[in-house]
Amino acid sequence: MCSLSRMLALLGALLWAPWRALHGAPLAELSGDQDFQLFLHKNLEFTRKIRVDVATLQSVVCTTFQLCRKEELVLVQQDLGIAQAPLEQCHSRAFRTEGCFSQIRDGLRAYHSSLAAVLELLPGHASLVETLQLDAANLSSNIQQQMEDLGLATVTYPTVTYPTVTYPTGGRGPLPAFSSRFHHQVGGFFILANFQEFLQTAYRALRHLARL
């Protein structure tokens, strides 16, 4: 098993770059760490399951409200101020493993909170939304546990605030405030769309590491 310092250096070399530039990254040493591989495979499947559930809710929003394409709603999105939870620490040349993992964890907590707006929008699908909230919380806990196992310090970032939605450090901020039913519908659409993109980045990372 490689030393902790070497493992963290290898992780840093992988995660700062855009994912499509990572093919063939020299991380073979990590493949011998059974605990890390178990973490990868377990959470790869878990992330896949969450993505499927988010896609199901996206389909419901599309069918129910005829909200299906992001490019048709860009102006409303700008008006609402709903943006993606930040992950710049995972793609910066000034990459820090603690920062990247902290932002993934905090992003999951933020989406757990924001999904309450989707729950209000789709009461007939409350069971699925609540399951998704629980899964987001559990995946966040898994990331936190992996940080602790690797000896990574928790990094705290300032609250990122938008006009109608807050992504707090701990994921316990207020729900988005929508001025109309239509804005609520569009807000729910973008919460799910942004969450799906967030999960895709996490999924690609886990899949790449698991294939080494």
Protein backbone atom coordinates (compact mmCIF):
# COMPACT_ATOMS: atom_id res chain seq x y z
CA MET A 1 0.00 0.00 0.00
CA CYS A 2 1.39 3.39 -0.89
CA SER A 3 1.98 6.02 1.79
CA LEU A 4 -0.75 8.55 2.60
CA SER A 5 1.31 11.45 1.22
CA ARG A 6 1.87 9.65 -2.07
CA MET A 7 -1.81 8.73 -2.34
CA LEU A 8 -2.89 12.34 -1.79
CA ALA A 9 -0.39 13.57 -4.36
CA LEU A 10 -1.76 11.08 -6.88
CA LEU A 11 -5.33 12.09 -6.14
CA GLY A 12 -4.40 15.74 -6.59
CA ALA A 13 -2.80 15.05 -9.95
CA LEU A 14 -6.01 13.41 -11.12
CA LEU A 15 -8.71 15.68 -9.83
CA TRP A 16 -7.49 19.15 -10.78
CA ALA A 17 -7.84 18.52 -14.49
CA PRO A 18 -11.02 18.40 -16.61
CA TRP A 19 -12.22 14.80 -16.69
CA ARG A 20 -11.87 14.22 -20.42
CA ALA A 21 -8.13 14.99 -20.08
CA LEU A 22 -7.66 12.28 -17.46
CA HIS A 23 -7.49 9.20 -19.66
CA GLY A 24 -4.33 7.29 -18.88
CA ALA A 25 -3.48 9.25 -15.73
CA PRO A 26 -0.70 7.42 -13.80
CA LEU A 27 -2.69 6.26 -10.78
CA ALA A 28 -2.05 2.52 -10.89
CA GLU A 29 -0.76 2.62 -7.31
CA LEU A 30 -4.26 3.35 -6.03
CA SER A 31 -5.59 0.14 -7.58
CA GLY A 32 -3.78 -1.82 -4.88
CA ASP A 33 -5.55 -0.05 -2.03
CA GLN A 34 -8.46 -2.39 -1.31
CA ASP A 35 -10.28 0.00 1.03
CA PHE A 36 -10.12 2.81 -1.51
CA GLN A 37 -11.30 0.49 -4.31
CA LEU A 38 -14.21 -0.66 -2.15
CA PHE A 39 -15.16 2.97 -1.59
CA LEU A 40 -15.00 3.65 -5.33
CA HIS A 41 -17.10 0.70 -6.45
CA LYS A 42 -19.70 1.10 -3.71
CA ASN A 43 -20.21 4.79 -4.39
CA LEU A 44 -20.04 4.39 -8.15
CA GLU A 45 -23.13 2.21 -7.96
CA PHE A 46 -24.72 4.53 -5.41
CA THR A 47 -24.16 7.56 -7.64
CA ARG A 48 -25.57 5.67 -10.62
CA LYS A 49 -28.71 4.90 -8.62
CA ILE A 50 -29.15 8.54 -7.59
CA ARG A 51 -28.70 9.69 -11.19
CA VAL A 52 -31.46 7.32 -12.32
CA ASP A 53 -33.83 8.72 -9.67
CA VAL A 54 -33.03 12.30 -10.65
CA ALA A 55 -33.67 11.42 -14.30
CA THR A 56 -37.03 9.96 -13.33
CA LEU A 57 -38.04 13.21 -11.64
CA GLN A 58 -36.76 15.21 -14.62
CA SER A 59 -39.05 13.14 -16.83
CA VAL A 60 -41.98 13.87 -14.53
CA VAL A 61 -41.29 17.62 -14.70
CA CYS A 62 -41.01 17.40 -18.48
CA THR A 63 -44.29 15.51 -18.84
CA THR A 64 -46.24 17.45 -16.21
CA PHE A 65 -45.11 21.01 -16.89
CA GLN A 66 -43.67 20.74 -20.43
CA LEU A 67 -40.31 21.90 -19.12
CA CYS A 68 -37.76 19.74 -20.88
CA ARG A 69 -34.95 21.80 -22.45
CA LYS A 70 -32.53 24.08 -20.59
CA GLU A 71 -31.83 26.28 -23.59
CA GLU A 72 -35.51 27.27 -23.76
CA LEU A 73 -35.44 28.50 -20.16
CA VAL A 74 -32.14 30.37 -19.95
CA LEU A 75 -33.74 33.78 -19.51
CA VAL A 76 -35.97 32.54 -16.69
CA GLN A 77 -32.98 30.84 -15.10
CA GLN A 78 -31.10 34.13 -15.09
CA ASP A 79 -34.10 35.85 -13.54
CA LEU A 80 -34.32 33.23 -10.80
CA GLY A 81 -30.59 33.27 -10.16
CA ILE A 82 -30.34 29.49 -9.70
CA ALA A 83 -26.81 28.28 -10.39
CA GLN A 84 -24.76 25.13 -10.03
CA ALA A 85 -23.28 24.34 -6.62
CA PRO A 86 -19.58 25.29 -6.88
CA LEU A 87 -16.94 22.69 -7.69
CA GLU A 88 -14.07 24.90 -8.84
CA GLN A 89 -11.74 23.34 -6.29
CA CYS A 90 -11.95 20.09 -8.27
CA HIS A 91 -10.83 21.69 -11.55
CA SER A 92 -8.34 24.32 -10.48
CA ARG A 93 -4.60 24.16 -11.08
CA ALA A 94 -4.37 25.24 -7.45
CA PHE A 95 -6.12 21.98 -6.54
CA ARG A 96 -6.34 20.89 -2.93
CA THR A 97 -7.78 17.47 -2.17
CA GLU A 98 -9.44 18.80 0.98
CA GLY A 99 -11.13 21.59 -0.97
CA CYS A 100 -12.44 19.35 -3.73
CA PHE A 101 -13.86 16.72 -1.40
CA SER A 102 -15.32 19.42 0.85
CA GLN A 103 -17.14 21.02 -2.09
CA ILE A 104 -18.52 17.68 -3.26
CA ARG A 105 -19.77 16.97 0.25
CA ASP A 106 -21.24 20.46 0.68
CA GLY A 107 -22.83 20.39 -2.77
CA LEU A 108 -24.65 17.19 -1.90
CA ARG A 109 -25.87 18.78 1.31
CA ALA A 110 -27.07 21.84 -0.62
CA TYR A 111 -29.03 19.71 -3.08
CA HIS A 112 -30.52 17.75 -0.18
CA SER A 113 -31.89 21.07 1.06
CA SER A 114 -32.98 22.41 -2.35
CA LEU A 115 -34.88 19.22 -3.16
CA ALA A 116 -37.48 20.36 -0.63
CA ALA A 117 -38.67 22.78 -3.32
CA VAL A 118 -39.10 19.82 -5.68
CA LEU A 119 -41.01 17.98 -2.98
CA GLU A 120 -43.47 20.88 -2.76
CA LEU A 121 -43.75 20.95 -6.55
CA LEU A 122 -44.37 17.20 -6.96
CA PRO A 123 -46.37 16.03 -3.93
CA GLY A 124 -47.53 12.97 -5.85
CA HIS A 125 -43.92 11.80 -6.03
CA ALA A 126 -43.04 12.58 -2.42
CA SER A 127 -41.66 9.10 -1.76
CA LEU A 128 -39.12 9.32 -4.59
CA VAL A 129 -38.05 12.87 -3.69
CA GLU A 130 -37.60 11.92 -0.03
CA THR A 131 -35.59 8.86 -1.05
CA LEU A 132 -33.41 11.10 -3.20
CA GLN A 133 -32.86 13.45 -0.26
CA LEU A 134 -31.85 10.53 1.94
CA ASP A 135 -29.49 9.18 -0.71
CA ALA A 136 -27.87 12.60 -1.17
CA ALA A 137 -27.32 12.80 2.57
CA ASN A 138 -25.85 9.30 2.68
CA LEU A 139 -23.49 9.93 -0.25
CA SER A 140 -22.35 13.14 1.44
CA SER A 141 -21.66 11.13 4.59
CA ASN A 142 -19.68 8.59 2.57
CA ILE A 143 -17.50 11.37 1.16
CA GLN A 144 -17.01 12.79 4.64
CA GLN A 145 -16.02 9.37 5.97
CA GLN A 146 -13.53 8.91 3.13
CA MET A 147 -12.02 12.30 3.95
CA GLU A 148 -11.57 11.19 7.54
CA ASP A 149 -10.09 7.85 6.46
CA LEU A 150 -7.53 9.68 4.31
CA GLY A 151 -6.78 12.14 7.08
CA LEU A 152 -8.06 15.13 5.11
CA ALA A 153 -8.99 18.28 6.97
CA THR A 154 -12.45 19.77 6.50
CA VAL A 155 -12.35 23.01 4.50
CA THR A 156 -14.97 25.70 5.11
CA TYR A 157 -15.97 28.04 2.29
CA PRO A 158 -18.08 31.20 2.48
CA THR A 159 -21.77 30.84 1.79
CA VAL A 160 -22.55 31.21 -1.91
CA THR A 161 -25.70 33.32 -2.25
CA TYR A 162 -27.89 33.96 -5.29
CA PRO A 163 -30.99 36.18 -5.55
CA THR A 164 -33.44 33.33 -4.90
CA VAL A 165 -31.40 30.39 -3.69
CA THR A 166 -28.67 29.90 -1.12
CA TYR A 167 -26.02 27.18 -1.13
CA PRO A 168 -24.71 27.30 2.44
CA THR A 169 -21.57 25.65 3.74
CA GLY A 170 -23.63 23.20 5.76
CA GLY A 171 -26.55 22.84 3.37
CA ARG A 172 -29.14 24.18 5.81
CA GLY A 173 -30.08 27.46 4.19
CA PRO A 174 -33.52 28.75 3.23
CA LEU A 175 -35.50 27.24 0.38
CA PRO A 176 -35.62 29.15 -2.89
CA ALA A 177 -38.32 31.85 -2.84
CA PHE A 178 -40.39 31.79 -6.02
CA SER A 179 -42.63 34.67 -7.05
CA SER A 180 -45.06 32.53 -9.06
CA ARG A 181 -46.12 28.96 -9.70
CA PHE A 182 -44.36 29.04 -13.05
CA HIS A 183 -41.12 30.22 -11.44
CA HIS A 184 -41.48 27.40 -8.92
CA GLN A 185 -41.81 24.91 -11.76
CA VAL A 186 -38.79 26.31 -13.59
CA GLY A 187 -36.86 26.41 -10.34
CA GLY A 188 -37.60 22.75 -9.74
CA PHE A 189 -36.49 21.98 -13.28
CA PHE A 190 -33.12 23.68 -12.77
CA ILE A 191 -32.54 22.19 -9.33
CA LEU A 192 -32.87 18.74 -10.88
CA ALA A 193 -30.88 19.63 -14.01
CA ASN A 194 -28.03 21.10 -11.98
CA PHE A 195 -28.05 18.17 -9.58
CA GLN A 196 -27.82 15.76 -12.52
CA GLU A 197 -24.79 17.62 -13.90
CA PHE A 198 -23.20 17.66 -10.47
CA LEU A 199 -23.68 13.90 -10.16
CA GLN A 200 -22.29 13.29 -13.64
CA THR A 201 -19.00 14.90 -12.63
CA ALA A 202 -18.81 12.76 -9.51
CA TYR A 203 -19.74 9.65 -11.47
CA ARG A 204 -17.05 10.22 -14.10
CA ALA A 205 -14.45 10.67 -11.38
CA LEU A 206 -15.37 7.45 -9.59
CA ARG A 207 -15.62 5.49 -12.84
CA HIS A 208 -12.21 6.63 -14.04
CA LEU A 209 -10.54 5.71 -10.75
CA ALA A 210 -12.31 2.36 -10.61
CA ARG A 211 -11.04 1.40 -14.10
CA LEU A 212 -7.37 1.86 -13.24
